[in-house]
N, C-alpha and C. Protein backbone atom coordinates (compact mmCIF):
# COMPACT_ATOMS: atom_id res chain seq x y z
N MET A 1 149.96 35.74 -55.72
CA MET A 1 150.99 36.68 -56.13
C MET A 1 152.01 36.85 -55.00
N SER A 2 153.30 36.78 -55.33
CA SER A 2 154.33 36.95 -54.32
C SER A 2 154.45 38.41 -53.92
N LEU A 3 155.14 38.64 -52.80
CA LEU A 3 155.34 40.00 -52.33
C LEU A 3 156.13 40.81 -53.35
N GLU A 4 157.16 40.20 -53.94
CA GLU A 4 157.95 40.92 -54.93
C GLU A 4 157.12 41.29 -56.15
N GLN A 5 156.26 40.38 -56.61
CA GLN A 5 155.39 40.70 -57.74
C GLN A 5 154.45 41.85 -57.40
N LEU A 6 153.91 41.85 -56.18
CA LEU A 6 153.01 42.92 -55.76
C LEU A 6 153.72 44.27 -55.82
N TYR A 7 154.93 44.34 -55.26
CA TYR A 7 155.66 45.61 -55.25
C TYR A 7 156.02 46.05 -56.66
N ARG A 8 156.44 45.09 -57.49
CA ARG A 8 156.82 45.45 -58.86
C ARG A 8 155.61 45.95 -59.65
N ARG A 9 154.44 45.41 -59.40
CA ARG A 9 153.23 45.88 -60.10
C ARG A 9 152.90 47.31 -59.72
N ARG A 10 153.23 47.70 -58.48
CA ARG A 10 152.97 49.08 -58.05
C ARG A 10 153.81 50.08 -58.83
N LEU A 11 154.96 49.63 -59.35
CA LEU A 11 155.87 50.51 -60.07
C LEU A 11 155.86 50.27 -61.57
N SER A 12 155.19 49.20 -62.01
CA SER A 12 155.23 48.79 -63.41
C SER A 12 154.58 49.83 -64.32
N ARG A 13 155.16 49.98 -65.52
CA ARG A 13 154.58 50.85 -66.55
C ARG A 13 153.84 50.05 -67.61
N ASN A 14 153.70 48.73 -67.38
CA ASN A 14 152.89 47.89 -68.27
C ASN A 14 151.46 48.42 -68.30
N TRP A 15 150.83 48.42 -69.47
CA TRP A 15 149.53 49.07 -69.59
C TRP A 15 148.46 48.39 -68.72
N ARG A 16 148.56 47.07 -68.56
CA ARG A 16 147.59 46.37 -67.72
C ARG A 16 147.73 46.79 -66.26
N ASP A 17 148.97 46.90 -65.79
CA ASP A 17 149.19 47.31 -64.41
C ASP A 17 148.80 48.77 -64.20
N ARG A 18 149.08 49.61 -65.18
CA ARG A 18 148.68 51.02 -65.07
C ARG A 18 147.16 51.15 -65.06
N LEU A 19 146.47 50.34 -65.87
CA LEU A 19 145.00 50.38 -65.88
C LEU A 19 144.45 49.89 -64.54
N ALA A 20 145.06 48.82 -63.99
CA ALA A 20 144.62 48.31 -62.69
C ALA A 20 144.77 49.37 -61.60
N ARG A 21 145.89 50.11 -61.63
CA ARG A 21 146.09 51.17 -60.64
C ARG A 21 145.09 52.29 -60.83
N LEU A 22 144.73 52.57 -62.08
CA LEU A 22 143.76 53.62 -62.36
C LEU A 22 142.37 53.25 -61.85
N LEU A 23 142.01 51.97 -61.95
CA LEU A 23 140.69 51.50 -61.51
C LEU A 23 140.62 51.21 -60.02
N GLU A 24 141.76 51.14 -59.36
CA GLU A 24 141.79 50.85 -57.92
C GLU A 24 141.03 51.92 -57.15
N PRO A 25 140.09 51.53 -56.29
CA PRO A 25 139.31 52.53 -55.55
C PRO A 25 140.18 53.28 -54.55
N PRO A 26 139.77 54.46 -54.13
CA PRO A 26 140.52 55.19 -53.10
C PRO A 26 140.62 54.37 -51.82
N ALA A 27 141.63 54.64 -51.04
CA ALA A 27 141.81 53.94 -49.77
C ALA A 27 140.59 54.16 -48.87
N PRO A 28 140.17 53.14 -48.12
CA PRO A 28 138.99 53.28 -47.25
C PRO A 28 139.31 53.97 -45.93
N PHE A 29 140.36 54.76 -45.90
CA PHE A 29 140.73 55.48 -44.67
C PHE A 29 141.26 56.85 -45.05
N ILE A 30 141.23 57.74 -44.08
CA ILE A 30 141.80 59.07 -44.24
C ILE A 30 142.76 59.29 -43.08
N MET A 31 143.91 59.91 -43.36
CA MET A 31 144.90 60.13 -42.33
C MET A 31 144.42 61.19 -41.33
N ASN A 32 144.75 60.97 -40.08
CA ASN A 32 144.39 61.91 -39.03
C ASN A 32 145.15 63.22 -39.24
N PRO A 33 144.46 64.34 -39.51
CA PRO A 33 145.18 65.60 -39.74
C PRO A 33 145.90 66.13 -38.50
N ALA A 34 145.56 65.58 -37.32
CA ALA A 34 146.21 66.03 -36.08
C ALA A 34 147.53 65.30 -35.82
N GLU A 35 147.85 64.28 -36.63
CA GLU A 35 149.11 63.57 -36.42
C GLU A 35 150.29 64.48 -36.77
N PRO A 36 151.25 64.67 -35.86
CA PRO A 36 152.40 65.54 -36.16
C PRO A 36 153.22 64.99 -37.32
N LYS A 37 153.75 65.91 -38.12
CA LYS A 37 154.57 65.51 -39.26
C LYS A 37 155.82 66.37 -39.41
N ASN A 38 156.03 67.31 -38.51
CA ASN A 38 157.06 68.32 -38.74
C ASN A 38 158.33 68.12 -37.94
N PHE A 39 158.58 66.91 -37.44
CA PHE A 39 159.85 66.67 -36.77
C PHE A 39 160.97 66.68 -37.80
N PRO A 40 162.11 67.26 -37.46
CA PRO A 40 163.12 67.56 -38.49
C PRO A 40 163.82 66.32 -39.05
N LEU A 41 164.14 66.42 -40.32
CA LEU A 41 165.01 65.45 -40.97
C LEU A 41 166.46 65.87 -40.78
N GLY A 42 167.36 64.92 -40.86
CA GLY A 42 168.78 65.21 -40.79
C GLY A 42 169.46 64.90 -42.09
N ARG A 43 170.79 64.88 -42.04
CA ARG A 43 171.54 64.52 -43.25
C ARG A 43 171.24 63.08 -43.65
N TRP A 44 171.14 62.18 -42.65
CA TRP A 44 170.85 60.77 -42.91
C TRP A 44 169.57 60.40 -42.18
N ASN A 45 168.62 59.81 -42.93
CA ASN A 45 167.34 59.37 -42.38
C ASN A 45 167.03 58.00 -42.96
N LEU A 46 166.33 57.18 -42.20
CA LEU A 46 166.09 55.79 -42.59
C LEU A 46 164.59 55.51 -42.67
N TYR A 47 164.19 54.87 -43.77
CA TYR A 47 162.80 54.45 -43.95
C TYR A 47 162.80 52.93 -44.03
N LEU A 48 162.10 52.29 -43.09
CA LEU A 48 162.02 50.82 -43.07
C LEU A 48 160.75 50.36 -43.78
N GLY A 49 160.91 49.43 -44.72
CA GLY A 49 159.76 48.84 -45.39
C GLY A 49 159.16 49.72 -46.46
N GLY A 50 160.01 50.41 -47.24
CA GLY A 50 159.50 51.34 -48.23
C GLY A 50 159.45 50.81 -49.65
N ALA A 51 159.50 49.49 -49.83
CA ALA A 51 159.42 48.94 -51.19
C ALA A 51 158.11 49.35 -51.85
N GLY A 52 158.20 49.79 -53.10
CA GLY A 52 157.01 50.21 -53.82
C GLY A 52 156.61 51.64 -53.53
N ARG A 53 157.43 52.37 -52.76
CA ARG A 53 157.12 53.76 -52.44
C ARG A 53 158.29 54.66 -52.84
N THR A 54 157.99 55.94 -52.99
CA THR A 54 159.02 56.96 -53.16
C THR A 54 159.21 57.65 -51.82
N VAL A 55 160.41 57.58 -51.27
CA VAL A 55 160.67 58.12 -49.93
C VAL A 55 161.84 59.09 -50.02
N ALA A 56 161.59 60.25 -50.59
CA ALA A 56 162.64 61.25 -50.77
C ALA A 56 163.22 61.68 -49.43
N GLY A 57 164.54 61.77 -49.38
CA GLY A 57 165.22 62.21 -48.18
C GLY A 57 165.59 61.10 -47.24
N TYR A 58 165.25 59.86 -47.59
CA TYR A 58 165.52 58.71 -46.73
C TYR A 58 166.36 57.67 -47.45
N VAL A 59 167.11 56.90 -46.68
CA VAL A 59 167.65 55.63 -47.15
C VAL A 59 166.52 54.62 -47.02
N ASN A 60 166.10 54.05 -48.14
CA ASN A 60 164.94 53.16 -48.19
C ASN A 60 165.41 51.71 -48.05
N LEU A 61 165.03 51.07 -46.93
CA LEU A 61 165.45 49.69 -46.66
C LEU A 61 164.25 48.76 -46.69
N ASP A 62 164.41 47.64 -47.37
CA ASP A 62 163.37 46.61 -47.39
C ASP A 62 164.03 45.26 -47.63
N LEU A 63 163.22 44.21 -47.52
CA LEU A 63 163.75 42.86 -47.73
C LEU A 63 164.11 42.61 -49.18
N LEU A 64 163.46 43.31 -50.11
CA LEU A 64 163.58 43.01 -51.53
C LEU A 64 164.39 44.06 -52.27
N ALA A 65 165.30 43.61 -53.12
CA ALA A 65 166.10 44.51 -53.93
C ALA A 65 165.36 44.83 -55.22
N ILE A 66 164.40 45.74 -55.13
CA ILE A 66 163.64 46.15 -56.31
C ILE A 66 163.88 47.65 -56.51
N PRO A 67 163.51 48.19 -57.68
CA PRO A 67 163.73 49.62 -57.92
C PRO A 67 163.12 50.48 -56.81
N GLY A 68 163.88 51.46 -56.37
CA GLY A 68 163.44 52.34 -55.30
C GLY A 68 163.98 51.96 -53.93
N VAL A 69 164.41 50.71 -53.76
CA VAL A 69 164.99 50.25 -52.50
C VAL A 69 166.50 50.48 -52.55
N ASP A 70 167.03 51.22 -51.58
CA ASP A 70 168.46 51.52 -51.55
C ASP A 70 169.27 50.40 -50.92
N VAL A 71 168.72 49.77 -49.87
CA VAL A 71 169.43 48.72 -49.16
C VAL A 71 168.46 47.56 -48.92
N ALA A 72 168.82 46.37 -49.36
CA ALA A 72 168.02 45.17 -49.09
C ALA A 72 168.63 44.47 -47.88
N ALA A 73 167.88 44.42 -46.78
CA ALA A 73 168.41 43.84 -45.54
C ALA A 73 167.25 43.53 -44.61
N ASP A 74 167.56 42.77 -43.57
CA ASP A 74 166.60 42.42 -42.53
C ASP A 74 166.66 43.49 -41.44
N ALA A 75 165.50 44.00 -41.04
CA ALA A 75 165.46 45.05 -40.03
C ALA A 75 165.94 44.56 -38.67
N GLN A 76 166.02 43.25 -38.49
CA GLN A 76 166.54 42.71 -37.23
C GLN A 76 168.06 42.77 -37.16
N GLN A 77 168.71 43.07 -38.29
CA GLN A 77 170.17 43.22 -38.34
C GLN A 77 170.49 44.35 -39.32
N LEU A 78 170.34 45.58 -38.88
CA LEU A 78 170.54 46.72 -39.76
C LEU A 78 172.02 46.90 -40.09
N PRO A 79 172.36 47.02 -41.38
CA PRO A 79 173.78 47.09 -41.80
C PRO A 79 174.31 48.52 -41.76
N PHE A 80 174.13 49.20 -40.63
CA PHE A 80 174.57 50.58 -40.50
C PHE A 80 175.31 50.77 -39.18
N PRO A 81 176.22 51.76 -39.12
CA PRO A 81 176.88 52.06 -37.85
C PRO A 81 175.90 52.68 -36.86
N SER A 82 176.27 52.66 -35.61
CA SER A 82 175.42 53.21 -34.56
C SER A 82 175.33 54.73 -34.66
N ALA A 83 174.20 55.27 -34.16
CA ALA A 83 174.00 56.72 -34.02
C ALA A 83 174.14 57.46 -35.35
N LEU A 84 173.63 56.89 -36.44
CA LEU A 84 173.80 57.50 -37.76
C LEU A 84 172.61 58.36 -38.17
N PHE A 85 171.38 57.92 -37.88
CA PHE A 85 170.20 58.52 -38.49
C PHE A 85 169.51 59.53 -37.55
N ALA A 86 169.16 60.68 -38.13
CA ALA A 86 168.44 61.70 -37.37
C ALA A 86 166.96 61.37 -37.24
N ARG A 87 166.45 60.59 -38.17
CA ARG A 87 165.02 60.23 -38.11
C ARG A 87 164.84 58.86 -38.75
N VAL A 88 163.99 58.05 -38.12
CA VAL A 88 163.68 56.71 -38.63
C VAL A 88 162.17 56.59 -38.75
N GLU A 89 161.71 56.18 -39.92
CA GLU A 89 160.30 55.90 -40.17
C GLU A 89 160.10 54.38 -40.19
N CYS A 90 159.18 53.90 -39.35
CA CYS A 90 158.86 52.47 -39.30
C CYS A 90 157.35 52.36 -39.41
N ASP A 91 156.86 52.34 -40.65
CA ASP A 91 155.43 52.47 -40.95
C ASP A 91 154.87 51.11 -41.36
N ALA A 92 154.03 50.52 -40.46
CA ALA A 92 153.38 49.24 -40.74
C ALA A 92 154.39 48.15 -41.05
N VAL A 93 155.41 48.05 -40.20
CA VAL A 93 156.46 47.05 -40.35
C VAL A 93 156.46 46.06 -39.19
N LEU A 94 156.31 46.53 -37.97
CA LEU A 94 156.52 45.68 -36.79
C LEU A 94 155.57 44.50 -36.73
N GLU A 95 154.39 44.61 -37.33
CA GLU A 95 153.47 43.47 -37.31
C GLU A 95 153.96 42.34 -38.22
N HIS A 96 154.91 42.64 -39.10
CA HIS A 96 155.39 41.65 -40.07
C HIS A 96 156.71 41.00 -39.69
N VAL A 97 157.33 41.43 -38.60
CA VAL A 97 158.62 40.86 -38.23
C VAL A 97 158.44 39.85 -37.10
N ARG A 98 159.29 38.83 -37.11
CA ARG A 98 159.16 37.76 -36.12
C ARG A 98 159.51 38.24 -34.71
N CYS A 99 160.50 39.13 -34.59
CA CYS A 99 160.97 39.59 -33.28
C CYS A 99 160.99 41.11 -33.24
N PRO A 100 159.87 41.76 -32.96
CA PRO A 100 159.83 43.22 -32.97
C PRO A 100 160.76 43.85 -31.94
N ASP A 101 161.03 43.15 -30.84
CA ASP A 101 161.93 43.71 -29.85
C ASP A 101 163.35 43.84 -30.41
N LEU A 102 163.77 42.88 -31.25
CA LEU A 102 165.08 42.98 -31.88
C LEU A 102 165.13 44.14 -32.87
N VAL A 103 164.06 44.32 -33.63
CA VAL A 103 164.00 45.45 -34.57
C VAL A 103 164.09 46.77 -33.82
N MET A 104 163.38 46.87 -32.71
CA MET A 104 163.41 48.11 -31.94
C MET A 104 164.79 48.37 -31.36
N ARG A 105 165.49 47.32 -30.91
CA ARG A 105 166.85 47.51 -30.40
C ARG A 105 167.79 48.00 -31.51
N GLU A 106 167.61 47.46 -32.71
CA GLU A 106 168.42 47.90 -33.84
C GLU A 106 168.10 49.35 -34.22
N ILE A 107 166.82 49.70 -34.23
CA ILE A 107 166.46 51.09 -34.53
C ILE A 107 167.07 52.03 -33.49
N GLU A 108 166.95 51.67 -32.23
CA GLU A 108 167.51 52.49 -31.17
C GLU A 108 169.02 52.63 -31.34
N ARG A 109 169.67 51.57 -31.77
CA ARG A 109 171.13 51.61 -31.96
C ARG A 109 171.53 52.59 -33.05
N VAL A 110 170.84 52.55 -34.20
CA VAL A 110 171.26 53.39 -35.33
C VAL A 110 170.70 54.81 -35.24
N LEU A 111 169.79 55.06 -34.33
CA LEU A 111 169.22 56.40 -34.16
C LEU A 111 170.22 57.28 -33.42
N ALA A 112 170.45 58.47 -33.95
CA ALA A 112 171.40 59.39 -33.33
C ALA A 112 170.80 59.97 -32.05
N PRO A 113 171.62 60.34 -31.08
CA PRO A 113 171.11 61.02 -29.89
C PRO A 113 170.32 62.28 -30.28
N GLY A 114 169.14 62.42 -29.70
CA GLY A 114 168.26 63.51 -30.07
C GLY A 114 167.40 63.23 -31.30
N GLY A 115 167.64 62.08 -31.96
CA GLY A 115 166.90 61.73 -33.17
C GLY A 115 165.49 61.25 -32.87
N TYR A 116 164.67 61.20 -33.92
CA TYR A 116 163.25 60.88 -33.79
C TYR A 116 162.91 59.56 -34.48
N LEU A 117 162.03 58.82 -33.85
CA LEU A 117 161.50 57.58 -34.41
C LEU A 117 159.99 57.71 -34.53
N HIS A 118 159.47 57.40 -35.71
CA HIS A 118 158.03 57.44 -35.98
C HIS A 118 157.56 56.01 -36.22
N LEU A 119 156.72 55.50 -35.31
CA LEU A 119 156.16 54.16 -35.42
C LEU A 119 154.69 54.23 -35.80
N VAL A 120 154.29 53.41 -36.76
CA VAL A 120 152.88 53.25 -37.12
C VAL A 120 152.60 51.76 -37.21
N THR A 121 151.54 51.31 -36.53
CA THR A 121 151.18 49.89 -36.57
C THR A 121 149.68 49.73 -36.58
N PRO A 122 149.16 48.61 -37.10
CA PRO A 122 147.72 48.37 -37.09
C PRO A 122 147.24 47.87 -35.72
N PHE A 123 145.99 48.18 -35.43
CA PHE A 123 145.32 47.64 -34.25
C PHE A 123 144.13 46.80 -34.71
N CYS A 124 143.08 47.41 -35.22
CA CYS A 124 141.94 46.67 -35.79
C CYS A 124 142.09 46.67 -37.30
N HIS A 125 142.67 45.62 -37.83
CA HIS A 125 142.95 45.58 -39.26
C HIS A 125 142.99 44.13 -39.72
N PRO A 126 142.52 43.83 -40.94
CA PRO A 126 142.52 42.45 -41.42
C PRO A 126 143.91 41.86 -41.52
N PHE A 127 143.96 40.55 -41.51
CA PHE A 127 145.18 39.78 -41.70
C PHE A 127 145.76 40.10 -43.07
N HIS A 128 147.07 40.38 -43.12
CA HIS A 128 147.72 40.68 -44.40
C HIS A 128 149.17 40.24 -44.33
N GLU A 129 149.56 39.34 -45.21
CA GLU A 129 150.89 38.75 -45.20
C GLU A 129 151.81 39.50 -46.16
N TYR A 130 152.77 40.26 -45.58
CA TYR A 130 153.77 40.97 -46.38
C TYR A 130 155.15 40.79 -45.78
N PRO A 131 155.82 39.65 -45.79
CA PRO A 131 155.34 38.37 -46.30
C PRO A 131 154.62 37.54 -45.24
N ARG A 132 154.73 37.92 -43.94
CA ARG A 132 154.02 37.25 -42.85
C ARG A 132 153.32 38.32 -42.01
N ASP A 133 152.33 37.90 -41.25
CA ASP A 133 151.60 38.82 -40.38
C ASP A 133 151.50 38.17 -39.00
N TYR A 134 152.23 38.71 -38.03
CA TYR A 134 152.39 38.04 -36.74
C TYR A 134 151.52 38.61 -35.61
N ARG A 135 151.18 39.92 -35.63
CA ARG A 135 150.59 40.50 -34.41
C ARG A 135 149.95 41.86 -34.69
N ARG A 136 149.25 42.37 -33.66
CA ARG A 136 148.69 43.72 -33.65
C ARG A 136 149.20 44.46 -32.42
N PHE A 137 149.12 45.81 -32.44
CA PHE A 137 149.67 46.61 -31.36
C PHE A 137 148.67 47.66 -30.88
N THR A 138 148.80 48.03 -29.60
CA THR A 138 148.18 49.22 -29.04
C THR A 138 149.30 50.23 -28.77
N PRO A 139 148.96 51.50 -28.52
CA PRO A 139 150.02 52.46 -28.16
C PRO A 139 150.83 52.01 -26.95
N ASP A 140 150.17 51.45 -25.94
CA ASP A 140 150.90 50.98 -24.76
C ASP A 140 151.83 49.82 -25.12
N GLY A 141 151.39 48.97 -26.05
CA GLY A 141 152.25 47.88 -26.48
C GLY A 141 153.50 48.39 -27.18
N LEU A 142 153.35 49.44 -27.99
CA LEU A 142 154.51 50.03 -28.65
C LEU A 142 155.46 50.65 -27.63
N LYS A 143 154.90 51.33 -26.64
CA LYS A 143 155.75 51.96 -25.62
C LYS A 143 156.57 50.92 -24.88
N SER A 144 155.98 49.75 -24.65
CA SER A 144 156.71 48.71 -23.92
C SER A 144 157.91 48.20 -24.70
N LEU A 145 157.93 48.40 -26.03
CA LEU A 145 159.06 47.99 -26.85
C LEU A 145 160.17 49.02 -26.86
N ALA A 146 159.90 50.22 -26.35
CA ALA A 146 160.87 51.31 -26.43
C ALA A 146 161.03 52.00 -25.09
N PRO A 147 161.43 51.26 -24.04
CA PRO A 147 161.51 51.86 -22.70
C PRO A 147 162.59 52.94 -22.57
N ASN A 148 163.57 52.95 -23.48
CA ASN A 148 164.66 53.91 -23.38
C ASN A 148 164.44 55.17 -24.20
N LEU A 149 163.32 55.23 -24.92
CA LEU A 149 163.01 56.40 -25.75
C LEU A 149 161.88 57.20 -25.11
N THR A 150 161.88 58.49 -25.37
CA THR A 150 160.88 59.39 -24.79
C THR A 150 159.73 59.58 -25.76
N VAL A 151 158.50 59.39 -25.28
CA VAL A 151 157.32 59.58 -26.12
C VAL A 151 157.06 61.08 -26.28
N ILE A 152 157.05 61.53 -27.53
CA ILE A 152 156.79 62.94 -27.85
C ILE A 152 155.35 63.16 -28.24
N ALA A 153 154.77 62.20 -28.94
CA ALA A 153 153.37 62.32 -29.37
C ALA A 153 152.84 60.91 -29.62
N GLU A 154 151.53 60.75 -29.44
CA GLU A 154 150.88 59.47 -29.70
C GLU A 154 149.44 59.72 -30.12
N GLY A 155 148.86 58.75 -30.82
CA GLY A 155 147.47 58.89 -31.23
C GLY A 155 147.10 57.85 -32.27
N TRP A 156 146.06 58.17 -33.03
CA TRP A 156 145.52 57.24 -34.02
C TRP A 156 145.64 57.85 -35.41
N ARG A 157 146.31 57.15 -36.29
CA ARG A 157 146.47 57.64 -37.66
C ARG A 157 145.17 57.43 -38.44
N THR A 158 144.57 56.27 -38.32
CA THR A 158 143.31 55.98 -39.01
C THR A 158 142.31 55.46 -37.99
N GLY A 159 141.04 55.79 -38.19
CA GLY A 159 140.08 55.67 -37.12
C GLY A 159 139.04 54.57 -37.26
N PRO A 160 137.97 54.68 -36.47
CA PRO A 160 136.93 53.64 -36.41
C PRO A 160 136.24 53.38 -37.74
N THR A 161 136.01 54.43 -38.52
CA THR A 161 135.34 54.20 -39.81
C THR A 161 136.23 53.38 -40.74
N ALA A 162 137.53 53.64 -40.72
CA ALA A 162 138.45 52.83 -41.51
C ALA A 162 138.35 51.36 -41.13
N THR A 163 138.27 51.10 -39.83
CA THR A 163 138.11 49.72 -39.36
C THR A 163 136.84 49.10 -39.93
N LEU A 164 135.74 49.82 -39.83
CA LEU A 164 134.46 49.32 -40.33
C LEU A 164 134.53 49.04 -41.83
N LEU A 165 135.11 49.95 -42.60
CA LEU A 165 135.12 49.79 -44.05
C LEU A 165 136.02 48.65 -44.51
N VAL A 166 137.23 48.53 -43.94
CA VAL A 166 138.12 47.47 -44.40
C VAL A 166 137.56 46.09 -44.04
N PHE A 167 136.90 45.98 -42.89
CA PHE A 167 136.32 44.68 -42.53
C PHE A 167 135.06 44.38 -43.35
N THR A 168 134.29 45.40 -43.68
CA THR A 168 133.11 45.19 -44.53
C THR A 168 133.53 44.64 -45.89
N ILE A 169 134.56 45.25 -46.49
CA ILE A 169 135.02 44.80 -47.80
C ILE A 169 135.58 43.38 -47.72
N GLU A 170 136.38 43.10 -46.69
CA GLU A 170 136.94 41.77 -46.56
C GLU A 170 135.85 40.72 -46.28
N TYR A 171 134.84 41.09 -45.50
CA TYR A 171 133.75 40.16 -45.21
C TYR A 171 132.98 39.81 -46.49
N ALA A 172 132.70 40.83 -47.30
CA ALA A 172 131.98 40.57 -48.56
C ALA A 172 132.79 39.66 -49.47
N LYS A 173 134.09 39.87 -49.55
CA LYS A 173 134.94 39.03 -50.39
C LYS A 173 135.00 37.59 -49.87
N LEU A 174 134.89 37.44 -48.55
CA LEU A 174 134.90 36.10 -47.95
C LEU A 174 133.73 35.25 -48.42
N LEU A 175 132.62 35.88 -48.78
CA LEU A 175 131.42 35.15 -49.19
C LEU A 175 131.46 34.69 -50.65
N LEU A 176 132.47 35.16 -51.39
CA LEU A 176 132.49 34.89 -52.83
C LEU A 176 133.52 33.80 -53.15
N PRO A 177 133.15 32.80 -53.96
CA PRO A 177 134.02 31.64 -54.18
C PRO A 177 135.11 31.85 -55.21
N TRP A 178 134.95 32.81 -56.13
CA TRP A 178 135.90 32.94 -57.23
C TRP A 178 136.67 34.25 -57.14
N ARG A 179 137.94 34.18 -57.51
CA ARG A 179 138.82 35.34 -57.38
C ARG A 179 138.32 36.52 -58.20
N ALA A 180 137.81 36.25 -59.41
CA ALA A 180 137.33 37.36 -60.25
C ALA A 180 136.19 38.10 -59.56
N TRP A 181 135.32 37.38 -58.88
CA TRP A 181 134.23 38.00 -58.15
C TRP A 181 134.76 38.83 -56.98
N ARG A 182 135.79 38.30 -56.31
CA ARG A 182 136.36 39.03 -55.18
C ARG A 182 137.02 40.33 -55.64
N VAL A 183 137.71 40.26 -56.78
CA VAL A 183 138.33 41.47 -57.33
C VAL A 183 137.25 42.50 -57.67
N ALA A 184 136.16 42.04 -58.28
CA ALA A 184 135.06 42.94 -58.63
C ALA A 184 134.42 43.54 -57.38
N ALA A 185 134.21 42.71 -56.36
CA ALA A 185 133.61 43.19 -55.11
C ALA A 185 134.50 44.23 -54.44
N HIS A 186 135.81 43.98 -54.47
CA HIS A 186 136.75 44.94 -53.89
C HIS A 186 136.63 46.29 -54.58
N GLY A 187 136.56 46.28 -55.90
CA GLY A 187 136.46 47.53 -56.65
C GLY A 187 135.13 48.23 -56.44
N ILE A 188 134.04 47.47 -56.55
CA ILE A 188 132.71 48.08 -56.45
C ILE A 188 132.47 48.63 -55.05
N LEU A 189 132.72 47.81 -54.02
CA LEU A 189 132.50 48.28 -52.66
C LEU A 189 133.47 49.39 -52.28
N GLY A 190 134.71 49.30 -52.78
CA GLY A 190 135.68 50.35 -52.49
C GLY A 190 135.21 51.70 -52.99
N TRP A 191 134.70 51.74 -54.22
CA TRP A 191 134.23 53.01 -54.78
C TRP A 191 132.94 53.48 -54.09
N LEU A 192 132.07 52.55 -53.72
CA LEU A 192 130.82 52.93 -53.08
C LEU A 192 131.01 53.44 -51.66
N LEU A 193 131.93 52.83 -50.92
CA LEU A 193 132.03 53.10 -49.49
C LEU A 193 133.05 54.16 -49.11
N PHE A 194 134.01 54.46 -50.00
CA PHE A 194 135.11 55.31 -49.55
C PHE A 194 134.67 56.70 -49.07
N PRO A 195 133.55 57.31 -49.59
CA PRO A 195 133.19 58.63 -49.05
C PRO A 195 132.90 58.61 -47.54
N LEU A 196 132.53 57.45 -47.01
CA LEU A 196 132.25 57.36 -45.57
C LEU A 196 133.50 57.57 -44.72
N ARG A 197 134.67 57.41 -45.33
CA ARG A 197 135.92 57.53 -44.56
C ARG A 197 136.05 58.90 -43.91
N TYR A 198 135.41 59.91 -44.49
CA TYR A 198 135.54 61.27 -43.95
C TYR A 198 134.84 61.44 -42.60
N LEU A 199 134.03 60.47 -42.21
CA LEU A 199 133.46 60.50 -40.87
C LEU A 199 134.54 60.46 -39.80
N ASP A 200 135.70 59.88 -40.14
CA ASP A 200 136.78 59.79 -39.16
C ASP A 200 137.36 61.16 -38.81
N LEU A 201 137.17 62.17 -39.65
CA LEU A 201 137.61 63.51 -39.29
C LEU A 201 136.90 63.98 -38.03
N LEU A 202 135.69 63.49 -37.82
CA LEU A 202 134.94 63.79 -36.59
C LEU A 202 135.25 62.77 -35.50
N LEU A 203 135.22 61.47 -35.86
CA LEU A 203 135.34 60.43 -34.85
C LEU A 203 136.72 60.36 -34.21
N LEU A 204 137.77 60.77 -34.95
CA LEU A 204 139.10 60.73 -34.37
C LEU A 204 139.28 61.73 -33.24
N ARG A 205 138.36 62.66 -33.09
CA ARG A 205 138.40 63.61 -31.98
C ARG A 205 137.83 63.02 -30.70
N SER A 206 137.15 61.87 -30.83
CA SER A 206 136.51 61.26 -29.67
C SER A 206 137.53 60.55 -28.80
N PRO A 207 137.43 60.66 -27.47
CA PRO A 207 138.33 59.91 -26.59
C PRO A 207 138.09 58.41 -26.64
N ARG A 208 137.01 57.97 -27.29
CA ARG A 208 136.70 56.54 -27.39
C ARG A 208 137.12 55.94 -28.74
N ALA A 209 137.75 56.76 -29.59
CA ALA A 209 138.16 56.26 -30.91
C ALA A 209 139.11 55.08 -30.81
N HIS A 210 139.88 55.02 -29.70
CA HIS A 210 140.87 53.96 -29.57
C HIS A 210 140.25 52.58 -29.44
N ARG A 211 138.98 52.50 -29.12
CA ARG A 211 138.37 51.19 -28.89
C ARG A 211 138.35 50.35 -30.17
N ILE A 212 138.16 50.99 -31.32
CA ILE A 212 138.23 50.27 -32.59
C ILE A 212 139.03 51.07 -33.60
N GLY A 213 140.09 51.71 -33.14
CA GLY A 213 140.97 52.43 -34.06
C GLY A 213 141.63 51.47 -35.03
N ASN A 214 142.02 52.00 -36.18
CA ASN A 214 142.58 51.17 -37.25
C ASN A 214 144.10 51.07 -37.16
N HIS A 215 144.80 52.20 -37.20
CA HIS A 215 146.25 52.26 -37.02
C HIS A 215 146.58 53.29 -35.95
N CYS A 216 147.55 52.97 -35.09
CA CYS A 216 148.02 53.92 -34.08
C CYS A 216 149.43 54.37 -34.43
N TYR A 217 149.86 55.47 -33.81
CA TYR A 217 151.21 55.97 -34.05
C TYR A 217 151.85 56.45 -32.77
N LEU A 218 153.17 56.44 -32.77
CA LEU A 218 153.99 57.06 -31.72
C LEU A 218 155.10 57.85 -32.39
N TRP A 219 155.42 59.00 -31.83
CA TRP A 219 156.68 59.71 -32.12
C TRP A 219 157.53 59.61 -30.87
N LEU A 220 158.75 59.12 -31.02
CA LEU A 220 159.66 58.94 -29.89
C LEU A 220 160.98 59.64 -30.20
N GLN A 221 161.67 60.03 -29.12
CA GLN A 221 162.97 60.69 -29.27
C GLN A 221 164.01 59.99 -28.42
N LYS A 222 165.20 59.83 -28.98
CA LYS A 222 166.31 59.23 -28.25
C LYS A 222 166.98 60.30 -27.39
N PRO A 223 167.11 60.05 -26.10
CA PRO A 223 167.77 61.05 -25.25
C PRO A 223 169.15 61.39 -25.78
N GLY A 224 169.50 62.69 -25.68
CA GLY A 224 170.80 63.06 -26.21
C GLY A 224 171.23 64.42 -25.75
């Protein structure tokens, strides 16, 4: 299935796609409740990689011109004037771009002085091509991409249990030769294992959670 087909299925009202979404197990991770979310929005805000999502209050930019995407463009060449956006969301995007340093320079350019950038990237997470998968990041790796921005907050969005569950499901699917079996295994194991995700509410408090954390985050501010 192509990336465009995947995104369109997330929004499709076809009964088969709606049934598939209904049967899809809950995500094998829970968001860290300690992650800050209250940094202010401005008149103009930018969401990178929001295809298949509803992102109220943002200009939604992605590679694909599908419903819900406001601007189809490459994040390495943002089609906006400098210093426009009060807040930029870059959620699970940098691992999919060929030159993350160029994307970060473009984000810094379009971010208004005093504006906020929210970065989320995977650390311990399976390979996933949307449309390519180039790398993984640590918080220090993200900081090295943004030397001109001030770190306001950092931490782990999803924790060690999420890492364990996503790899368990992928490992089980690896053992099965037919796609129908893999789809069934994904559903069955997803429903059986997802209650364990709540262990991360405890484990994310540990100073050692970073050793096998699933996704990390940074909040950064442009001096102004």
